[in-house]
């Protein structure tokens, strides 16, 4: 049985606003197992990104306990790397230097420059960008920029990859290509992934479990869907797969019947 790498126990998150106290999340209980891919899905404003930020250690929960590898999450750490929808590359640095910056930050105190450079080369090769190392962000496409962002995260050798709608701003074909690349990368690295998405097909294609959040404010986990599809997964084959269609329908029913009905 896989080890629990993240444990979320009774977590709630409240923010102080000009209009008073706003409860974003309440009573969140979730264990994430080592090596699995978990998607967080729900309508806008349901706290998906808030929950991801809590796991990343970018914010601290108002209630409850958050553990990573048995230790309380007290802030960001190199074992948890984040990929945002905005690639956040530094425009004055090449693709190589954008990744090297992260490698140096994590490993610079204990490794020489040759090893740091090799880590950078390896990370860019993993996402298929060895040929673009010397290019600047303005010289590459949006999809390639996002690959550099993923390479930067992977270069830190994280145990958990946290992704906040990483393909949301891309066109459909580029998004599909990057989803396929991500599946190969995860198979090669064995990293644990927690991903925020609005895309039902993406959630089913990539995930071992899909965590469906109720509508905000005071959102909580409504249902968890276990996706029992064999890996490696082939996009075209799954397009005609009855089980894939059933998983997709179950998420759609939650989002567009149960949640919309409860909000009415």
Protein backbone atom coordinates (compact mmCIF):
# COMPACT_ATOMS: atom_id res chain seq x y z
CA UNK A 1 0.00 0.00 0.00
CA UNK A 2 1.28 3.49 -0.92
CA UNK A 3 2.44 5.83 1.81
CA UNK A 4 0.48 8.96 2.72
CA UNK A 5 2.65 11.89 1.64
CA UNK A 6 0.12 14.66 2.39
CA UNK A 7 -2.47 14.57 5.19
CA UNK A 8 -5.13 17.26 5.46
CA UNK A 9 -7.16 16.98 8.65
CA UNK A 10 -10.14 19.22 9.40
CA UNK A 11 -8.73 22.17 7.50
CA UNK A 12 -10.60 25.44 7.09
CA UNK A 13 -9.50 28.73 5.59
CA UNK A 14 -10.99 32.13 6.45
CA UNK A 15 -9.88 35.50 5.11
CA UNK A 16 -10.43 38.99 6.50
CA UNK A 17 -11.93 41.25 3.82
CA UNK A 18 -13.38 44.76 3.70
CA UNK A 19 -16.82 43.16 3.90
CA UNK A 20 -15.90 41.06 6.93
CA UNK A 21 -14.77 37.48 7.44
CA UNK A 22 -14.95 35.27 4.35
CA UNK A 23 -14.83 31.48 4.75
CA UNK A 24 -13.25 29.96 1.64
CA UNK A 25 -12.88 26.34 2.83
CA UNK A 26 -14.31 24.30 5.68
CA UNK A 27 -13.80 20.82 7.09
CA UNK A 28 -11.37 19.51 4.46
CA UNK A 29 -10.18 15.95 5.08
CA UNK A 30 -7.91 14.43 2.43
CA UNK A 31 -4.96 12.05 2.27
CA UNK A 32 -2.74 12.09 -0.82
CA UNK A 33 -0.69 8.98 -1.51
CA UNK A 34 2.87 8.93 -2.77
CA UNK A 35 3.06 8.60 -6.56
CA UNK A 36 -0.59 9.36 -7.30
CA UNK A 37 -2.08 12.15 -9.38
CA UNK A 38 -4.99 13.97 -7.74
CA UNK A 39 -7.09 16.60 -9.50
CA UNK A 40 -9.09 19.28 -7.70
CA UNK A 41 -12.17 20.32 -9.69
CA UNK A 42 -15.17 22.53 -9.04
CA UNK A 43 -16.86 25.75 -10.08
CA UNK A 44 -15.01 29.08 -9.94
CA UNK A 45 -14.72 30.37 -6.39
CA UNK A 46 -14.86 26.94 -4.74
CA UNK A 47 -11.39 27.23 -3.21
CA UNK A 48 -9.38 24.91 -5.47
CA UNK A 49 -6.40 27.26 -5.70
CA UNK A 50 -6.73 28.11 -2.00
CA UNK A 51 -6.37 24.41 -1.15
CA UNK A 52 -3.38 24.07 -3.49
CA UNK A 53 -1.73 27.11 -1.89
CA UNK A 54 -2.23 25.56 1.54
CA UNK A 55 -0.43 22.39 0.42
CA UNK A 56 2.32 24.54 -1.09
CA UNK A 57 2.70 26.36 2.23
CA UNK A 58 2.01 29.73 0.62
CA UNK A 59 -0.81 30.31 3.12
CA UNK A 60 -1.55 28.90 6.57
CA UNK A 61 -4.90 27.27 7.43
CA UNK A 62 -7.18 28.99 9.92
CA UNK A 63 -8.29 25.62 11.30
CA UNK A 64 -6.99 22.08 11.16
CA UNK A 65 -3.66 20.41 10.46
CA UNK A 66 -1.67 19.97 7.24
CA UNK A 67 1.17 17.47 7.12
CA UNK A 68 3.73 16.62 4.46
CA UNK A 69 5.65 13.43 5.10
CA UNK A 70 4.46 13.49 8.71
CA UNK A 71 5.65 17.04 9.39
CA UNK A 72 3.47 20.12 9.69
CA UNK A 73 3.50 22.32 6.59
CA UNK A 74 4.84 25.61 7.95
CA UNK A 75 5.80 27.26 4.66
CA UNK A 76 7.14 26.51 1.16
CA UNK A 77 9.74 23.77 0.77
CA UNK A 78 11.82 22.30 -2.09
CA UNK A 79 9.97 18.98 -1.77
CA UNK A 80 6.85 20.82 -3.08
CA UNK A 81 7.25 22.59 -6.42
CA UNK A 82 4.50 24.76 -7.92
CA UNK A 83 3.59 25.30 -11.58
CA UNK A 84 1.18 28.19 -12.12
CA UNK A 85 -1.04 28.97 -15.11
CA UNK A 86 1.26 31.92 -15.78
CA UNK A 87 4.69 30.42 -16.49
CA UNK A 88 6.38 33.30 -14.56
CA UNK A 89 9.62 33.10 -16.53
CA UNK A 90 12.12 35.94 -16.16
CA UNK A 91 12.17 37.54 -19.63
CA UNK A 92 15.83 38.63 -19.47
CA UNK A 93 17.04 35.06 -18.87
CA UNK A 94 17.31 32.20 -21.36
CA UNK A 95 15.32 29.00 -20.89
CA UNK A 96 18.45 27.38 -19.46
CA UNK A 97 19.10 30.21 -17.01
CA UNK A 98 15.45 30.31 -15.85
CA UNK A 99 15.76 26.64 -14.86
CA UNK A 100 19.32 26.97 -13.54
CA UNK A 101 18.17 29.66 -11.11
CA UNK A 102 15.87 27.14 -9.39
CA UNK A 103 18.50 24.38 -9.44
CA UNK A 104 21.09 26.65 -7.86
CA UNK A 105 18.64 27.74 -5.16
CA UNK A 106 17.90 24.16 -4.11
CA UNK A 107 21.23 22.37 -4.69
CA UNK A 108 23.83 25.17 -4.88
CA UNK A 109 25.04 24.82 -1.31
CA UNK A 110 26.07 21.18 -1.73
CA UNK A 111 26.78 20.60 -5.43
CA UNK A 112 29.32 22.00 -7.88
CA UNK A 113 28.50 23.99 -11.00
CA UNK A 114 29.00 21.04 -13.34
CA UNK A 115 26.35 19.01 -11.46
CA UNK A 116 23.99 21.99 -11.34
CA UNK A 117 24.32 22.50 -15.08
CA UNK A 118 23.70 18.81 -15.71
CA UNK A 119 20.53 18.91 -13.62
CA UNK A 120 19.37 21.85 -15.73
CA UNK A 121 20.16 20.10 -19.02
CA UNK A 122 18.34 16.97 -17.82
CA UNK A 123 15.22 18.87 -16.76
CA UNK A 124 14.91 20.65 -20.11
CA UNK A 125 15.53 17.40 -21.98
CA UNK A 126 12.78 15.74 -19.95
CA UNK A 127 10.22 18.20 -21.35
CA UNK A 128 11.65 18.03 -24.89
CA UNK A 129 13.35 21.43 -24.89
CA UNK A 130 17.04 20.56 -25.13
CA UNK A 131 17.10 22.40 -28.47
CA UNK A 132 15.71 25.63 -26.94
CA UNK A 133 18.09 26.11 -24.02
CA UNK A 134 19.61 29.35 -25.39
CA UNK A 135 16.31 30.94 -26.41
CA UNK A 136 14.64 33.73 -24.45
CA UNK A 137 10.95 33.55 -23.40
CA UNK A 138 9.85 36.01 -26.12
CA UNK A 139 11.37 33.69 -28.74
CA UNK A 140 9.27 30.63 -27.89
CA UNK A 141 5.56 29.72 -27.97
CA UNK A 142 3.17 29.72 -25.03
CA UNK A 143 3.26 25.93 -24.85
CA UNK A 144 7.06 25.93 -24.78
CA UNK A 145 7.08 28.55 -22.03
CA UNK A 146 4.85 26.32 -19.95
CA UNK A 147 7.22 23.41 -20.58
CA UNK A 148 10.08 25.54 -19.24
CA UNK A 149 7.96 26.22 -16.14
CA UNK A 150 7.42 22.48 -15.69
CA UNK A 151 11.13 21.82 -16.27
CA UNK A 152 11.99 24.42 -13.63
CA UNK A 153 9.70 22.69 -11.13
CA UNK A 154 11.04 19.22 -11.97
CA UNK A 155 14.65 20.41 -11.78
CA UNK A 156 14.18 20.82 -8.02
CA UNK A 157 13.57 17.05 -7.78
CA UNK A 158 10.35 17.64 -5.81
CA UNK A 159 8.42 14.82 -4.22
CA UNK A 160 5.18 16.69 -4.94
CA UNK A 161 4.35 18.69 -8.06
CA UNK A 162 1.57 21.23 -7.45
CA UNK A 163 -0.07 22.53 -10.63
CA UNK A 164 -2.61 25.36 -10.76
CA UNK A 165 -4.41 25.05 -14.11
CA UNK A 166 -1.05 24.65 -15.87
CA UNK A 167 -2.60 24.34 -19.35
CA UNK A 168 -5.62 26.59 -18.88
CA UNK A 169 -4.32 29.48 -21.01
CA UNK A 170 -3.28 27.31 -23.97
CA UNK A 171 -5.15 26.38 -27.14
CA UNK A 172 -6.80 22.95 -27.25
CA UNK A 173 -4.16 21.21 -29.39
CA UNK A 174 -1.21 22.54 -27.38
CA UNK A 175 -3.01 21.62 -24.16
CA UNK A 176 -3.57 18.05 -25.38
CA UNK A 177 0.09 17.69 -26.38
CA UNK A 178 1.27 18.92 -23.00
CA UNK A 179 -1.13 16.61 -21.16
CA UNK A 180 0.40 13.69 -23.08
CA UNK A 181 3.91 14.93 -22.25
CA UNK A 182 2.98 15.27 -18.58
CA UNK A 183 1.78 11.66 -18.46
CA UNK A 184 5.15 10.50 -19.82
CA UNK A 185 7.07 12.72 -17.39
CA UNK A 186 5.12 11.44 -14.39
CA UNK A 187 5.69 7.85 -15.47
CA UNK A 188 9.43 8.57 -15.72
CA UNK A 189 9.80 10.49 -12.43
CA UNK A 190 7.18 8.88 -10.17
CA UNK A 191 6.36 12.30 -8.70
CA UNK A 192 3.16 12.88 -6.74
CA UNK A 193 0.90 15.45 -8.44
CA UNK A 194 -1.91 17.65 -7.16
CA UNK A 195 -3.50 19.64 -9.97
CA UNK A 196 -6.23 22.27 -10.11
CA UNK A 197 -8.30 22.06 -13.30
CA UNK A 198 -11.61 23.17 -14.80
CA UNK A 199 -11.30 20.59 -17.58
CA UNK A 200 -13.30 17.41 -16.93
CA UNK A 201 -11.55 15.39 -19.65
CA UNK A 202 -8.14 16.48 -18.34
CA UNK A 203 -9.08 15.43 -14.82
CA UNK A 204 -10.11 11.93 -15.92
CA UNK A 205 -7.21 11.48 -18.35
CA UNK A 206 -4.46 12.40 -15.89
CA UNK A 207 -5.77 11.47 -12.46
CA UNK A 208 -5.89 8.51 -10.14
CA UNK A 209 -8.50 10.39 -8.09
CA UNK A 210 -10.65 13.42 -8.82
CA UNK A 211 -11.59 15.51 -5.76
CA UNK A 212 -14.81 17.45 -6.42
CA UNK A 213 -15.37 20.55 -4.31
CA UNK A 214 -18.76 22.01 -3.46
CA UNK A 215 -19.63 25.58 -4.41
CA UNK A 216 -18.18 28.40 -2.32
CA UNK A 217 -18.21 30.15 -0.01
CA UNK A 218 -17.38 27.65 2.75
CA UNK A 219 -16.60 24.98 0.16
CA UNK A 220 -15.72 21.44 1.17
CA UNK A 221 -15.13 18.11 -0.52
CA UNK A 222 -18.38 16.88 -2.05
CA UNK A 223 -17.26 13.64 -3.69
CA UNK A 224 -14.04 11.82 -4.56
CA UNK A 225 -13.96 9.77 -7.77
CA UNK A 226 -11.40 6.99 -8.08
CA UNK A 227 -10.28 6.62 -11.70
CA UNK A 228 -9.48 2.98 -12.38
CA UNK A 229 -8.02 3.26 -15.87
CA UNK A 230 -4.87 1.33 -16.70
CA UNK A 231 -1.64 3.22 -17.31
CA UNK A 232 -0.10 4.17 -19.66
CA UNK A 233 -3.24 5.90 -20.94
CA UNK A 234 -3.78 6.51 -24.64
CA UNK A 235 -5.90 9.55 -25.46
CA UNK A 236 -7.43 8.20 -28.69
CA UNK A 237 -8.27 4.81 -27.18
CA UNK A 238 -9.93 6.43 -24.16
CA UNK A 239 -12.08 8.61 -26.43
CA UNK A 240 -14.09 5.46 -27.22
CA UNK A 241 -13.77 3.83 -23.79
CA UNK A 242 -17.04 3.18 -21.94
CA UNK A 243 -15.43 3.49 -18.50
CA UNK A 244 -13.83 6.83 -19.41
CA UNK A 245 -17.25 8.10 -20.50
CA UNK A 246 -18.80 6.95 -17.21
CA UNK A 247 -16.15 8.76 -15.14
CA UNK A 248 -16.64 11.90 -17.22
CA UNK A 249 -20.41 11.70 -16.80
CA UNK A 250 -20.09 11.28 -13.02
CA UNK A 251 -18.06 14.50 -12.72
CA UNK A 252 -20.42 16.38 -15.04
CA UNK A 253 -23.38 15.23 -12.98
CA UNK A 254 -21.74 16.50 -9.79
CA UNK A 255 -20.77 19.85 -11.30
CA UNK A 256 -23.84 20.64 -13.35
CA UNK A 257 -26.68 18.87 -11.56
CA UNK A 258 -25.88 18.36 -7.90
CA UNK A 259 -24.00 21.63 -7.44
CA UNK A 260 -26.18 23.86 -9.59
CA UNK A 261 -29.29 22.35 -7.99
CA UNK A 262 -27.93 23.00 -4.50
CA UNK A 263 -27.14 26.60 -5.44
CA UNK A 264 -30.62 27.23 -6.84
